[in-house]
N, C-alpha and C. Protein backbone atom coordinates (compact mmCIF):
# COMPACT_ATOMS: atom_id res chain seq x y z
N MET A 1 88.50 108.22 117.18
CA MET A 1 88.54 107.51 115.90
C MET A 1 90.00 107.33 115.47
N ALA A 2 90.35 106.14 115.01
CA ALA A 2 91.71 105.85 114.58
C ALA A 2 92.03 106.63 113.31
N SER A 3 93.29 107.01 113.15
CA SER A 3 93.68 107.74 111.95
C SER A 3 93.71 106.79 110.76
N THR A 4 93.53 107.36 109.59
CA THR A 4 93.55 106.58 108.35
C THR A 4 94.99 106.23 108.01
N THR A 5 95.26 104.94 107.79
CA THR A 5 96.62 104.51 107.47
C THR A 5 96.94 104.80 106.01
N ILE A 6 98.21 104.78 105.70
CA ILE A 6 98.64 104.96 104.31
C ILE A 6 98.03 103.87 103.42
N PHE A 7 97.88 102.65 103.96
CA PHE A 7 97.29 101.58 103.16
C PHE A 7 95.82 101.85 102.87
N GLN A 8 95.09 102.39 103.83
CA GLN A 8 93.70 102.73 103.57
C GLN A 8 93.61 103.83 102.52
N LYS A 9 94.55 104.77 102.56
CA LYS A 9 94.57 105.83 101.54
C LYS A 9 94.88 105.25 100.16
N ILE A 10 95.73 104.22 100.09
CA ILE A 10 96.00 103.55 98.82
C ILE A 10 94.74 102.84 98.34
N ILE A 11 94.07 102.11 99.23
CA ILE A 11 92.82 101.42 98.88
C ILE A 11 91.79 102.42 98.37
N ASN A 12 91.69 103.57 99.02
CA ASN A 12 90.72 104.61 98.65
C ASN A 12 91.09 105.36 97.38
N GLY A 13 92.29 105.12 96.85
CA GLY A 13 92.74 105.81 95.64
C GLY A 13 93.31 107.19 95.89
N GLU A 14 93.55 107.54 97.16
CA GLU A 14 94.10 108.86 97.50
C GLU A 14 95.60 108.91 97.26
N ILE A 15 96.27 107.76 97.32
CA ILE A 15 97.71 107.65 97.09
C ILE A 15 97.90 106.59 96.01
N PRO A 16 98.68 106.89 94.97
CA PRO A 16 98.88 105.91 93.91
C PRO A 16 99.81 104.78 94.35
N CYS A 17 99.71 103.66 93.65
CA CYS A 17 100.60 102.53 93.91
C CYS A 17 100.83 101.80 92.59
N GLU A 18 101.85 100.94 92.59
CA GLU A 18 102.10 100.05 91.45
C GLU A 18 101.29 98.79 91.69
N LYS A 19 100.04 98.83 91.27
CA LYS A 19 99.09 97.75 91.54
C LYS A 19 99.46 96.50 90.75
N LEU A 20 99.47 95.38 91.46
CA LEU A 20 99.72 94.08 90.85
C LEU A 20 98.45 93.24 90.74
N TYR A 21 97.51 93.49 91.65
CA TYR A 21 96.27 92.68 91.70
C TYR A 21 95.27 93.43 92.56
N GLU A 22 93.98 93.28 92.21
CA GLU A 22 92.93 93.82 93.05
C GLU A 22 91.66 93.02 92.83
N ASP A 23 90.94 92.77 93.92
CA ASP A 23 89.61 92.19 93.85
C ASP A 23 88.79 92.81 94.97
N ASP A 24 87.63 92.26 95.25
CA ASP A 24 86.75 92.84 96.28
C ASP A 24 87.33 92.74 97.69
N LEU A 25 88.25 91.78 97.91
CA LEU A 25 88.77 91.52 99.25
C LEU A 25 90.14 92.12 99.52
N CYS A 26 90.95 92.29 98.47
CA CYS A 26 92.34 92.70 98.73
C CYS A 26 92.94 93.50 97.59
N LEU A 27 94.11 94.00 97.87
CA LEU A 27 94.91 94.77 96.92
C LEU A 27 96.35 94.33 97.09
N ALA A 28 97.06 94.17 95.97
CA ALA A 28 98.49 93.84 96.02
C ALA A 28 99.24 94.88 95.20
N PHE A 29 100.39 95.29 95.72
CA PHE A 29 101.18 96.32 95.05
C PHE A 29 102.63 96.22 95.46
N ASN A 30 103.51 96.81 94.65
CA ASN A 30 104.94 96.81 94.96
C ASN A 30 105.20 97.69 96.18
N ASP A 31 106.10 97.22 97.04
CA ASP A 31 106.48 97.99 98.23
C ASP A 31 107.41 99.12 97.81
N ILE A 32 107.11 100.35 98.23
CA ILE A 32 107.96 101.49 97.86
C ILE A 32 109.26 101.52 98.65
N SER A 33 109.34 100.73 99.71
CA SER A 33 110.58 100.62 100.49
C SER A 33 111.11 99.19 100.36
N ALA A 34 111.29 98.75 99.14
CA ALA A 34 111.66 97.37 98.86
C ALA A 34 112.93 96.94 99.60
N GLN A 35 112.86 95.76 100.18
CA GLN A 35 113.99 95.16 100.90
C GLN A 35 114.61 94.02 100.11
N ALA A 36 114.14 93.82 98.89
CA ALA A 36 114.66 92.80 97.98
C ALA A 36 114.32 93.26 96.56
N PRO A 37 114.98 92.68 95.56
CA PRO A 37 114.67 93.07 94.18
C PRO A 37 113.19 92.94 93.83
N ILE A 38 112.53 91.94 94.39
CA ILE A 38 111.08 91.79 94.25
C ILE A 38 110.51 91.86 95.66
N HIS A 39 109.64 92.82 95.89
CA HIS A 39 109.03 92.99 97.21
C HIS A 39 107.66 93.62 97.00
N TYR A 40 106.64 92.82 97.22
CA TYR A 40 105.28 93.33 97.09
C TYR A 40 104.48 92.99 98.34
N LEU A 41 103.39 93.70 98.50
CA LEU A 41 102.51 93.55 99.66
C LEU A 41 101.14 93.11 99.19
N VAL A 42 100.50 92.29 100.00
CA VAL A 42 99.10 91.95 99.79
C VAL A 42 98.37 92.39 101.05
N ILE A 43 97.35 93.23 100.88
CA ILE A 43 96.63 93.79 102.02
C ILE A 43 95.13 93.55 101.87
N PRO A 44 94.46 93.32 102.98
CA PRO A 44 93.00 93.21 102.91
C PRO A 44 92.40 94.60 102.77
N LYS A 45 91.26 94.70 102.12
CA LYS A 45 90.56 95.98 102.05
C LYS A 45 89.87 96.29 103.37
N THR A 46 89.60 95.27 104.16
CA THR A 46 89.07 95.45 105.51
C THR A 46 90.22 95.95 106.39
N PRO A 47 90.04 97.04 107.12
CA PRO A 47 91.14 97.60 107.92
C PRO A 47 91.37 96.84 109.24
N ILE A 48 92.06 95.71 109.15
CA ILE A 48 92.44 94.93 110.33
C ILE A 48 93.82 95.44 110.75
N PRO A 49 93.98 95.93 111.98
CA PRO A 49 95.26 96.53 112.38
C PRO A 49 96.46 95.58 112.31
N SER A 50 96.30 94.32 112.70
CA SER A 50 97.41 93.37 112.66
C SER A 50 96.87 91.95 112.77
N LEU A 51 97.75 90.99 112.65
CA LEU A 51 97.35 89.59 112.78
C LEU A 51 96.76 89.32 114.16
N ARG A 52 97.21 90.06 115.16
CA ARG A 52 96.71 89.90 116.53
C ARG A 52 95.21 90.13 116.63
N GLU A 53 94.67 91.01 115.79
CA GLU A 53 93.23 91.33 115.86
C GLU A 53 92.36 90.44 114.97
N CYS A 54 92.96 89.51 114.24
CA CYS A 54 92.16 88.62 113.39
C CYS A 54 91.27 87.72 114.23
N LYS A 55 90.13 87.43 113.68
CA LYS A 55 89.14 86.56 114.33
C LYS A 55 88.97 85.30 113.49
N ASN A 56 88.28 84.33 114.05
CA ASN A 56 88.01 83.09 113.33
C ASN A 56 87.31 83.36 111.99
N LEU A 57 86.45 84.37 111.97
CA LEU A 57 85.73 84.67 110.73
C LEU A 57 86.65 85.24 109.64
N ASP A 58 87.90 85.58 109.99
CA ASP A 58 88.87 86.10 109.01
C ASP A 58 89.68 85.00 108.34
N LYS A 59 89.46 83.73 108.72
CA LYS A 59 90.34 82.66 108.21
C LYS A 59 90.27 82.53 106.69
N ASN A 60 89.11 82.70 106.09
CA ASN A 60 89.03 82.63 104.62
C ASN A 60 89.75 83.81 103.97
N LEU A 61 89.62 84.98 104.56
CA LEU A 61 90.32 86.16 104.05
C LEU A 61 91.83 85.95 104.13
N LEU A 62 92.32 85.44 105.25
CA LEU A 62 93.76 85.22 105.40
C LEU A 62 94.28 84.23 104.36
N GLY A 63 93.54 83.16 104.14
CA GLY A 63 93.92 82.21 103.10
C GLY A 63 93.92 82.85 101.73
N HIS A 64 92.94 83.69 101.47
CA HIS A 64 92.84 84.38 100.18
C HIS A 64 94.06 85.28 99.97
N LEU A 65 94.48 86.01 101.01
CA LEU A 65 95.64 86.89 100.88
C LEU A 65 96.89 86.10 100.50
N ILE A 66 97.10 84.96 101.16
CA ILE A 66 98.26 84.12 100.86
C ILE A 66 98.19 83.59 99.43
N LEU A 67 97.03 83.13 99.01
CA LEU A 67 96.90 82.58 97.66
C LEU A 67 97.03 83.65 96.58
N VAL A 68 96.60 84.88 96.87
CA VAL A 68 96.83 85.98 95.92
C VAL A 68 98.34 86.24 95.80
N GLY A 69 99.04 86.25 96.92
CA GLY A 69 100.50 86.42 96.88
C GLY A 69 101.17 85.32 96.08
N GLN A 70 100.70 84.09 96.25
CA GLN A 70 101.24 82.95 95.49
C GLN A 70 100.96 83.12 94.00
N LYS A 71 99.77 83.57 93.65
CA LYS A 71 99.40 83.79 92.25
C LYS A 71 100.35 84.79 91.59
N ILE A 72 100.63 85.88 92.30
CA ILE A 72 101.55 86.89 91.78
C ILE A 72 102.95 86.30 91.62
N ALA A 73 103.39 85.53 92.62
CA ALA A 73 104.72 84.89 92.54
C ALA A 73 104.80 83.99 91.31
N LYS A 74 103.75 83.23 91.05
CA LYS A 74 103.74 82.35 89.87
C LYS A 74 103.77 83.17 88.59
N GLU A 75 103.02 84.28 88.56
CA GLU A 75 103.03 85.15 87.38
C GLU A 75 104.41 85.73 87.13
N LYS A 76 105.14 85.98 88.21
CA LYS A 76 106.50 86.51 88.11
C LYS A 76 107.53 85.40 87.90
N LYS A 77 107.04 84.16 87.82
CA LYS A 77 107.88 82.98 87.62
C LYS A 77 108.91 82.80 88.74
N LEU A 78 108.48 83.12 89.96
CA LEU A 78 109.35 82.94 91.12
C LEU A 78 109.29 81.48 91.57
N SER A 79 110.44 80.93 91.91
CA SER A 79 110.46 79.57 92.46
C SER A 79 110.74 79.60 93.96
N ASN A 80 111.23 80.74 94.45
CA ASN A 80 111.53 80.91 95.87
C ASN A 80 111.11 82.30 96.29
N TRP A 81 110.51 82.40 97.46
CA TRP A 81 110.19 83.71 98.01
C TRP A 81 110.01 83.57 99.52
N ARG A 82 110.11 84.69 100.20
CA ARG A 82 109.86 84.73 101.64
C ARG A 82 108.56 85.47 101.86
N THR A 83 107.76 84.95 102.77
CA THR A 83 106.49 85.55 103.14
C THR A 83 106.60 86.00 104.59
N VAL A 84 106.28 87.26 104.88
CA VAL A 84 106.45 87.82 106.22
C VAL A 84 105.20 88.59 106.63
N ILE A 85 104.76 88.35 107.87
CA ILE A 85 103.72 89.16 108.48
C ILE A 85 104.30 89.66 109.81
N ASN A 86 104.58 90.94 109.89
CA ASN A 86 105.04 91.54 111.15
C ASN A 86 103.81 91.87 111.99
N THR A 87 103.87 91.55 113.27
CA THR A 87 102.75 91.81 114.18
C THR A 87 103.26 92.58 115.38
N GLY A 88 102.96 93.87 115.43
CA GLY A 88 103.40 94.72 116.52
C GLY A 88 104.67 95.49 116.18
N ALA A 89 104.84 96.60 116.86
CA ALA A 89 105.96 97.51 116.58
C ALA A 89 107.32 96.84 116.79
N GLU A 90 107.48 96.04 117.82
CA GLU A 90 108.77 95.41 118.08
C GLU A 90 109.16 94.39 117.02
N SER A 91 108.18 93.89 116.28
CA SER A 91 108.48 92.94 115.20
C SER A 91 108.84 93.66 113.91
N GLY A 92 108.64 94.97 113.88
CA GLY A 92 108.94 95.74 112.68
C GLY A 92 107.70 96.26 111.97
N GLN A 93 106.51 96.02 112.51
CA GLN A 93 105.31 96.55 111.87
C GLN A 93 105.28 98.06 112.02
N THR A 94 105.20 98.76 110.90
CA THR A 94 105.17 100.23 110.93
C THR A 94 103.83 100.79 110.46
N VAL A 95 103.08 100.01 109.69
CA VAL A 95 101.74 100.42 109.27
C VAL A 95 100.77 99.45 109.92
N PHE A 96 99.86 99.98 110.72
CA PHE A 96 98.95 99.14 111.47
C PHE A 96 97.66 98.88 110.70
N HIS A 97 97.88 98.22 109.57
CA HIS A 97 96.85 97.66 108.69
C HIS A 97 97.50 96.36 108.23
N LEU A 98 96.90 95.24 108.56
CA LEU A 98 97.47 93.94 108.23
C LEU A 98 98.01 93.92 106.80
N HIS A 99 99.22 93.42 106.63
CA HIS A 99 99.80 93.29 105.29
C HIS A 99 100.80 92.15 105.30
N ILE A 100 100.88 91.50 104.15
CA ILE A 100 101.79 90.37 103.98
C ILE A 100 102.85 90.78 102.97
N HIS A 101 104.11 90.65 103.39
CA HIS A 101 105.24 90.92 102.51
C HIS A 101 105.60 89.66 101.74
N PHE A 102 105.87 89.81 100.46
CA PHE A 102 106.42 88.74 99.63
C PHE A 102 107.72 89.28 99.06
N LEU A 103 108.84 88.61 99.38
CA LEU A 103 110.16 89.07 98.97
C LEU A 103 110.88 87.98 98.19
N SER A 104 111.61 88.38 97.13
CA SER A 104 112.35 87.43 96.33
C SER A 104 113.42 88.18 95.52
N GLY A 105 114.19 87.40 94.77
CA GLY A 105 115.19 88.00 93.89
C GLY A 105 116.58 88.06 94.48
N ARG A 106 116.75 87.55 95.68
CA ARG A 106 118.07 87.45 96.31
C ARG A 106 117.99 86.36 97.37
N ALA A 107 119.16 85.90 97.81
CA ALA A 107 119.19 84.91 98.88
C ALA A 107 118.68 85.56 100.17
N MET A 108 117.84 84.85 100.88
CA MET A 108 117.30 85.32 102.17
C MET A 108 118.07 84.62 103.28
N LEU A 109 118.65 85.40 104.15
CA LEU A 109 119.45 84.85 105.24
C LEU A 109 118.57 84.49 106.42
N TRP A 110 119.08 83.63 107.27
CA TRP A 110 118.37 83.25 108.49
C TRP A 110 119.36 83.25 109.62
N PRO A 111 119.06 83.81 110.77
CA PRO A 111 117.77 84.42 111.09
C PRO A 111 117.68 85.83 110.50
N PRO A 112 116.44 86.25 110.17
CA PRO A 112 116.27 87.62 109.66
C PRO A 112 116.40 88.62 110.80
N GLY A 113 116.79 89.83 110.48
CA GLY A 113 116.85 90.93 111.44
C GLY A 113 117.57 90.57 112.66
């Protein structure tokens, strides 16, 4: 059996977070290791390890996650932000529960990393 990720513990209420949004499908909260002045995560409540494991039946969920992130950005009156999904350890994924980073509040350089 796979170990419980920190994100699943947050979803379960075992670890507190600065919650920005929650519904039946997802949870959004501020990243505790922020890489920009504004850095929040949107995660599905379904424990999908990464984008690599998504199936066709997840397409509505994936769209929902992006639109929730956009809703939060609009609430924060952001006009620019970067959206990142790391897939696999070499890309920088450290928690193997799908999550989308939304970063803003400073200029984002290219290429990243």
